[in-house]
C-alpha atoms as a PDB file:
ATOM      1  CA  MET A   1      -4.123   3.120  24.142  1.00  0.00           C
ATOM      2  CA  SER A   2      -3.340   0.648  26.927  1.00  0.00           C
ATOM      3  CA  GLU A   3      -2.974  -2.572  25.031  1.00  0.00           C
ATOM      4  CA  GLU A   4      -4.224  -3.681  21.623  1.00  0.00           C
ATOM      5  CA  LYS A   5      -4.353  -7.416  20.785  1.00  0.00           C
ATOM      6  CA  ILE A   6      -4.873  -8.372  17.155  1.00  0.00           C
ATOM      7  CA  LEU A   7      -5.090 -11.766  15.472  1.00  0.00           C
ATOM      8  CA  ILE A   8      -4.722 -12.047  11.689  1.00  0.00           C
ATOM      9  CA  ALA A   9      -5.341 -15.296   9.840  1.00  0.00           C
ATOM     10  CA  GLY A  10      -5.491 -16.561   6.262  1.00  0.00           C
ATOM     11  CA  PHE A  11      -3.833 -18.694   3.629  1.00  0.00           C
ATOM     12  CA  GLY A  12      -0.076 -18.487   3.174  1.00  0.00           C
ATOM     13  CA  GLY A  13       0.609 -15.992   0.428  1.00  0.00           C
ATOM     14  CA  GLN A  14      -2.215 -13.619   1.387  1.00  0.00           C
ATOM     15  CA  GLY A  15       0.065 -11.219   3.173  1.00  0.00           C
ATOM     16  CA  VAL A  16      -1.057 -12.092   6.682  1.00  0.00           C
ATOM     17  CA  MET A  17       2.470 -11.837   8.075  1.00  0.00           C
ATOM     18  CA  MET A  18       3.108  -8.533   6.300  1.00  0.00           C
ATOM     19  CA  MET A  19       0.003  -6.997   7.882  1.00  0.00           C
ATOM     20  CA  GLY A  20       1.168  -8.052  11.325  1.00  0.00           C
ATOM     21  CA  GLN A  21       4.700  -6.861  10.777  1.00  0.00           C
ATOM     22  CA  LEU A  22       3.524  -3.452   9.529  1.00  0.00           C
ATOM     23  CA  LEU A  23       1.391  -3.001  12.676  1.00  0.00           C
ATOM     24  CA  ALA A  24       4.228  -4.049  14.980  1.00  0.00           C
ATOM     25  CA  TYR A  25       6.793  -1.907  13.155  1.00  0.00           C
ATOM     26  CA  CYS A  26       4.513   1.090  13.295  1.00  0.00           C
ATOM     27  CA  GLY A  27       3.990   0.589  17.000  1.00  0.00           C
ATOM     28  CA  ASN A  28       7.753   0.461  17.578  1.00  0.00           C
ATOM     29  CA  LYS A  29       8.348   3.487  15.423  1.00  0.00           C
ATOM     30  CA  LEU A  30       5.849   5.460  17.515  1.00  0.00           C
ATOM     31  CA  GLY A  31       7.489   4.399  20.812  1.00  0.00           C
ATOM     32  CA  PHE A  32       5.072   1.646  21.872  1.00  0.00           C
ATOM     33  CA  ASN A  33       6.022  -1.842  22.977  1.00  0.00           C
ATOM     34  CA  SER A  34       5.146  -4.141  20.090  1.00  0.00           C
ATOM     35  CA  LEU A  35       5.192  -7.873  19.658  1.00  0.00           C
ATOM     36  CA  TRP A  36       4.561  -9.882  16.494  1.00  0.00           C
ATOM     37  CA  VAL A  37       4.288 -13.676  16.751  1.00  0.00           C
ATOM     38  CA  PRO A  38       3.936 -15.601  13.473  1.00  0.00           C
ATOM     39  CA  SER A  39       2.498 -19.107  13.103  1.00  0.00           C
ATOM     40  CA  TYR A  40       2.815 -20.939   9.804  1.00  0.00           C
ATOM     41  CA  GLY A  41       1.255 -24.130   8.499  1.00  0.00           C
ATOM     42  CA  PRO A  42       3.465 -26.680   6.775  1.00  0.00           C
ATOM     43  CA  GLU A  43       3.053 -25.154   3.334  1.00  0.00           C
ATOM     44  CA  THR A  44       4.455 -21.796   2.307  1.00  0.00           C
ATOM     45  CA  ARG A  45       1.719 -20.706  -0.095  1.00  0.00           C
ATOM     46  CA  GLY A  46      -1.791 -22.015   0.238  1.00  0.00           C
ATOM     47  CA  GLY A  47      -1.282 -23.382   3.719  1.00  0.00           C
ATOM     48  CA  THR A  48      -2.607 -21.735   6.837  1.00  0.00           C
ATOM     49  CA  ALA A  49      -0.862 -18.766   8.367  1.00  0.00           C
ATOM     50  CA  ASN A  50      -1.701 -16.522  11.300  1.00  0.00           C
ATOM     51  CA  CYS A  51      -0.024 -14.042  13.534  1.00  0.00           C
ATOM     52  CA  SER A  52      -0.677 -12.353  16.858  1.00  0.00           C
ATOM     53  CA  ILE A  53       0.213  -8.748  17.512  1.00  0.00           C
ATOM     54  CA  ILE A  54       0.247  -6.924  20.791  1.00  0.00           C
ATOM     55  CA  ILE A  55       0.861  -3.192  20.903  1.00  0.00           C
ATOM     56  CA  SER A  56       1.035  -1.553  24.282  1.00  0.00           C
ATOM     57  CA  ASP A  57       2.178   1.521  26.101  1.00  0.00           C
ATOM     58  CA  SER A  58       3.192  -0.771  28.994  1.00  0.00           C
ATOM     59  CA  PRO A  59       5.636  -3.721  29.061  1.00  0.00           C
ATOM     60  CA  ILE A  60       4.346  -6.877  27.388  1.00  0.00           C
ATOM     61  CA  TYR A  61       5.033  -9.863  29.629  1.00  0.00           C
ATOM     62  CA  SER A  62       3.606 -12.660  27.443  1.00  0.00           C
ATOM     63  CA  PRO A  63       3.019 -13.129  23.710  1.00  0.00           C
ATOM     64  CA  VAL A  64       0.102 -15.463  24.411  1.00  0.00           C
ATOM     65  CA  PHE A  65      -3.497 -14.327  24.590  1.00  0.00           C
ATOM     66  CA  GLN A  66      -6.825 -16.115  24.244  1.00  0.00           C
ATOM     67  CA  LYS A  67      -9.058 -13.232  23.077  1.00  0.00           C
ATOM     68  CA  ALA A  68      -8.205 -10.398  20.721  1.00  0.00           C
ATOM     69  CA  ARG A  69      -9.939  -7.031  20.441  1.00  0.00           C
ATOM     70  CA  ALA A  70      -9.621  -7.408  16.660  1.00  0.00           C
ATOM     71  CA  VAL A  71      -9.612 -10.582  14.586  1.00  0.00           C
ATOM     72  CA  ILE A  72      -8.885 -10.199  10.886  1.00  0.00           C
ATOM     73  CA  ILE A  73      -9.911 -13.140   8.703  1.00  0.00           C
ATOM     74  CA  MET A  74      -8.782 -13.543   5.133  1.00  0.00           C
ATOM     75  CA  ASN A  75     -10.246 -17.021   4.281  1.00  0.00           C
ATOM     76  CA  GLN A  76     -13.014 -19.427   5.346  1.00  0.00           C
ATOM     77  CA  PRO A  77     -10.835 -22.047   7.144  1.00  0.00           C
ATOM     78  CA  SER A  78      -9.433 -19.257   9.289  1.00  0.00           C
ATOM     79  CA  LEU A  79     -12.884 -18.039  10.217  1.00  0.00           C
ATOM     80  CA  GLU A  80     -13.847 -21.513  11.370  1.00  0.00           C
ATOM     81  CA  LYS A  81     -10.630 -21.848  13.396  1.00  0.00           C
ATOM     82  CA  PHE A  82     -10.443 -18.372  15.017  1.00  0.00           C
ATOM     83  CA  LEU A  83     -14.027 -17.104  15.250  1.00  0.00           C
ATOM     84  CA  ASP A  84     -14.165 -17.778  18.981  1.00  0.00           C
ATOM     85  CA  ARG A  85     -11.032 -15.652  19.582  1.00  0.00           C
ATOM     86  CA  VAL A  86     -12.805 -12.296  19.252  1.00  0.00           C
ATOM     87  CA  ALA A  87     -13.266 -10.689  22.657  1.00  0.00           C
ATOM     88  CA  ASP A  88     -16.713  -9.428  23.654  1.00  0.00           C
ATOM     89  CA  GLY A  89     -16.965  -5.872  22.434  1.00  0.00           C
ATOM     90  CA  GLY A  90     -14.289  -6.539  19.865  1.00  0.00           C
ATOM     91  CA  VAL A  91     -14.362  -6.427  16.078  1.00  0.00           C
ATOM     92  CA  LEU A  92     -14.272  -9.168  13.475  1.00  0.00           C
ATOM     93  CA  LEU A  93     -13.062  -8.059  10.035  1.00  0.00           C
ATOM     94  CA  ILE A  94     -13.726 -10.588   7.288  1.00  0.00           C
ATOM     95  CA  ASN A  95     -12.714 -10.791   3.636  1.00  0.00           C
ATOM     96  CA  THR A  96     -16.179 -11.366   2.119  1.00  0.00           C
ATOM     97  CA  SER A  97     -14.607 -12.133  -1.272  1.00  0.00           C
ATOM     98  CA  LEU A  98     -13.618 -15.504   0.257  1.00  0.00           C
ATOM     99  CA  VAL A  99     -15.469 -15.757   3.596  1.00  0.00           C
ATOM    100  CA  THR A 100     -19.119 -16.240   4.461  1.00  0.00           C
ATOM    101  CA  LEU A 101     -20.168 -15.592   8.063  1.00  0.00           C
ATOM    102  CA  LEU A 102     -22.772 -18.281   8.710  1.00  0.00           C
ATOM    103  CA  LYS A 103     -24.126 -17.087  12.027  1.00  0.00           C
ATOM    104  CA  PRO A 104     -24.959 -13.739  13.562  1.00  0.00           C
ATOM    105  CA  MET A 105     -22.492 -12.438  16.096  1.00  0.00           C
ATOM    106  CA  ASP A 106     -23.565 -11.253  19.521  1.00  0.00           C
ATOM    107  CA  LYS A 107     -21.346  -8.881  21.501  1.00  0.00           C
ATOM    108  CA  VAL A 108     -18.940  -8.484  18.493  1.00  0.00           C
ATOM    109  CA  SER A 109     -18.975  -5.923  15.687  1.00  0.00           C
ATOM    110  CA  VAL A 110     -18.560  -7.359  12.225  1.00  0.00           C
ATOM    111  CA  CYS A 111     -16.934  -5.446   9.401  1.00  0.00           C
ATOM    112  CA  CYS A 112     -17.340  -7.088   5.996  1.00  0.00           C
ATOM    113  CA  ILE A 113     -14.815  -6.027   3.329  1.00  0.00           C
ATOM    114  CA  PRO A 114     -14.595  -7.641  -0.160  1.00  0.00           C
ATOM    115  CA  VAL A 115     -10.856  -7.140  -0.156  1.00  0.00           C
ATOM    116  CA  ASN A 116     -10.116  -9.421  -3.120  1.00  0.00           C
ATOM    117  CA  ASP A 117     -12.725  -7.621  -5.240  1.00  0.00           C
ATOM    118  CA  LEU A 118     -11.368  -4.240  -4.274  1.00  0.00           C
ATOM    119  CA  ALA A 119      -7.822  -5.390  -5.030  1.00  0.00           C
ATOM    120  CA  PHE A 120      -8.960  -6.620  -8.437  1.00  0.00           C
ATOM    121  CA  GLU A 121     -10.448  -3.140  -9.043  1.00  0.00           C
ATOM    122  CA  LEU A 122      -7.000  -1.673  -8.290  1.00  0.00           C
ATOM    123  CA  GLY A 123      -5.458  -4.134 -10.737  1.00  0.00           C
ATOM    124  CA  ASN A 124      -3.375  -6.195  -8.253  1.00  0.00           C
ATOM    125  CA  LEU A 125      -4.757  -9.036  -6.201  1.00  0.00           C
ATOM    126  CA  LYS A 126      -1.616  -9.028  -4.041  1.00  0.00           C
ATOM    127  CA  VAL A 127      -2.688  -5.810  -2.288  1.00  0.00           C
ATOM    128  CA  ALA A 128      -5.792  -7.450  -0.739  1.00  0.00           C
ATOM    129  CA  ASN A 129      -3.900  -7.541   2.574  1.00  0.00           C
ATOM    130  CA  THR A 130      -3.107  -3.854   2.477  1.00  0.00           C
ATOM    131  CA  ILE A 131      -6.777  -3.092   1.700  1.00  0.00           C
ATOM    132  CA  MET A 132      -7.713  -5.103   4.829  1.00  0.00           C
ATOM    133  CA  LEU A 133      -5.062  -3.269   6.844  1.00  0.00           C
ATOM    134  CA  GLY A 134      -6.593   0.049   5.802  1.00  0.00           C
ATOM    135  CA  ALA A 135     -10.031  -1.226   6.849  1.00  0.00           C
ATOM    136  CA  TYR A 136      -8.640  -2.245  10.195  1.00  0.00           C
ATOM    137  CA  LEU A 137      -7.143   1.241  10.683  1.00  0.00           C
ATOM    138  CA  ALA A 138     -10.523   2.790   9.915  1.00  0.00           C
ATOM    139  CA  VAL A 139     -12.394   0.748  12.555  1.00  0.00           C
ATOM    140  CA  SER A 140      -9.716   0.716  15.224  1.00  0.00           C
ATOM    141  CA  GLY A 141      -8.119   4.129  15.001  1.00  0.00           C
ATOM    142  CA  LEU A 142      -4.918   2.504  16.225  1.00  0.00           C
ATOM    143  CA  PHE A 143      -2.678   4.332  13.764  1.00  0.00           C
ATOM    144  CA  THR A 144      -3.247   6.807  10.945  1.00  0.00           C
ATOM    145  CA  THR A 145      -2.934   5.925   7.274  1.00  0.00           C
ATOM    146  CA  ASP A 146       0.011   8.349   7.073  1.00  0.00           C
ATOM    147  CA  GLN A 147       1.821   6.525   9.850  1.00  0.00           C
ATOM    148  CA  ILE A 148       1.323   3.119   8.228  1.00  0.00           C
ATOM    149  CA  SER A 149       2.197   4.548   4.802  1.00  0.00           C
ATOM    150  CA  GLU A 150       5.599   5.620   6.150  1.00  0.00           C
ATOM    151  CA  VAL A 151       6.144   2.092   7.500  1.00  0.00           C
ATOM    152  CA  ILE A 152       5.068   0.567   4.128  1.00  0.00           C
ATOM    153  CA  ALA A 153       7.710   2.771   2.398  1.00  0.00           C
ATOM    154  CA  ASP A 154      10.401   1.458   4.846  1.00  0.00           C
ATOM    155  CA  TYR A 155       9.198  -2.120   4.554  1.00  0.00           C
ATOM    156  CA  LEU A 156       9.266  -2.052   0.737  1.00  0.00           C
ATOM    157  CA  LYS A 157      12.684  -0.503   0.289  1.00  0.00           C
ATOM    158  CA  ASP A 158      15.708  -2.317  -1.159  1.00  0.00           C
ATOM    159  CA  GLY A 159      14.305  -3.310  -4.515  1.00  0.00           C
ATOM    160  CA  LYS A 160      10.564  -3.315  -3.829  1.00  0.00           C
ATOM    161  CA  GLU A 161       9.993   0.430  -4.143  1.00  0.00           C
ATOM    162  CA  LYS A 162       7.798  -0.101  -7.178  1.00  0.00           C
ATOM    163  CA  PHE A 163       5.149  -1.572  -4.904  1.00  0.00           C
ATOM    164  CA  ILE A 164       4.906   1.383  -2.512  1.00  0.00           C
ATOM    165  CA  ASP A 165       2.425   3.352  -4.616  1.00  0.00           C
ATOM    166  CA  ILE A 166      -0.058   0.506  -5.192  1.00  0.00           C
ATOM    167  CA  ASN A 167       0.124  -0.499  -1.525  1.00  0.00           C
ATOM    168  CA  THR A 168      -0.534   3.087  -0.449  1.00  0.00           C
ATOM    169  CA  LYS A 169      -3.524   3.286  -2.787  1.00  0.00           C
ATOM    170  CA  ALA A 170      -4.778  -0.071  -1.423  1.00  0.00           C
ATOM    171  CA  LEU A 171      -4.399   1.103   2.189  1.00  0.00           C
ATOM    172  CA  LEU A 172      -6.448   4.227   1.469  1.00  0.00           C
ATOM    173  CA  ARG A 173      -9.067   2.227  -0.497  1.00  0.00           C
ATOM    174  CA  GLY A 174      -9.581  -0.141   2.462  1.00  0.00           C
ATOM    175  CA  TYR A 175      -9.764   2.743   4.906  1.00  0.00           C
ATOM    176  CA  GLN A 176     -12.318   4.542   2.750  1.00  0.00           C
ATOM    177  CA  TYR A 177     -14.417   1.408   2.216  1.00  0.00           C
ATOM    178  CA  ALA A 178     -14.560   0.634   5.950  1.00  0.00           C
ATOM    179  CA  LYS A 179     -15.368   4.252   6.877  1.00  0.00           C
ATOM    180  CA  GLU A 180     -18.279   4.149   4.433  1.00  0.00           C
ATOM    181  CA  ASN A 181     -19.570   0.648   5.122  1.00  0.00           C
ATOM    182  CA  CYS A 182     -18.570  -0.583   8.616  1.00  0.00           C
ATOM    183  CA  LYS A 183     -20.414   0.637  11.670  1.00  0.00           C
ATOM    184  CA  CYS A 184     -18.018  -0.649  14.313  1.00  0.00           C
END
């Protein structure tokens, strides 16, 4: 790996921050340098939220970057705001349950995942973010689903253990969907 830069954006309440934290925590757990930088809109739920993640096997000297190798978009306003942040040769993952890509992308791979629909099939809309995280793992190969599953179990301890199983299922569902449908 040398350095992975990821941008995740969506509405507050969609689990954008959790996705970023899980990636950064997993990087730390595996001995990489990891940085997670959140950015919130003025509202807690329904407002905009995004985060930047850098995972590197070298020191990270700045949390700021203009282009990301992977941009994960959970809603339409985020697509409009962050579409130009995908680096050439990078990947754009979009939640097609809520997002419509209106123009073809040159020099960028696009992975379309109906994460809300898949979460509804699993019976819990709140795991849409974990489905998207699984899809990202499938196209990036950054970490394995087992590595992230361990981090999910740590993240959801202290009273949230009942959500570990559904999040693990969601992670695997997103991974499977992307492996079957995304050609990144």
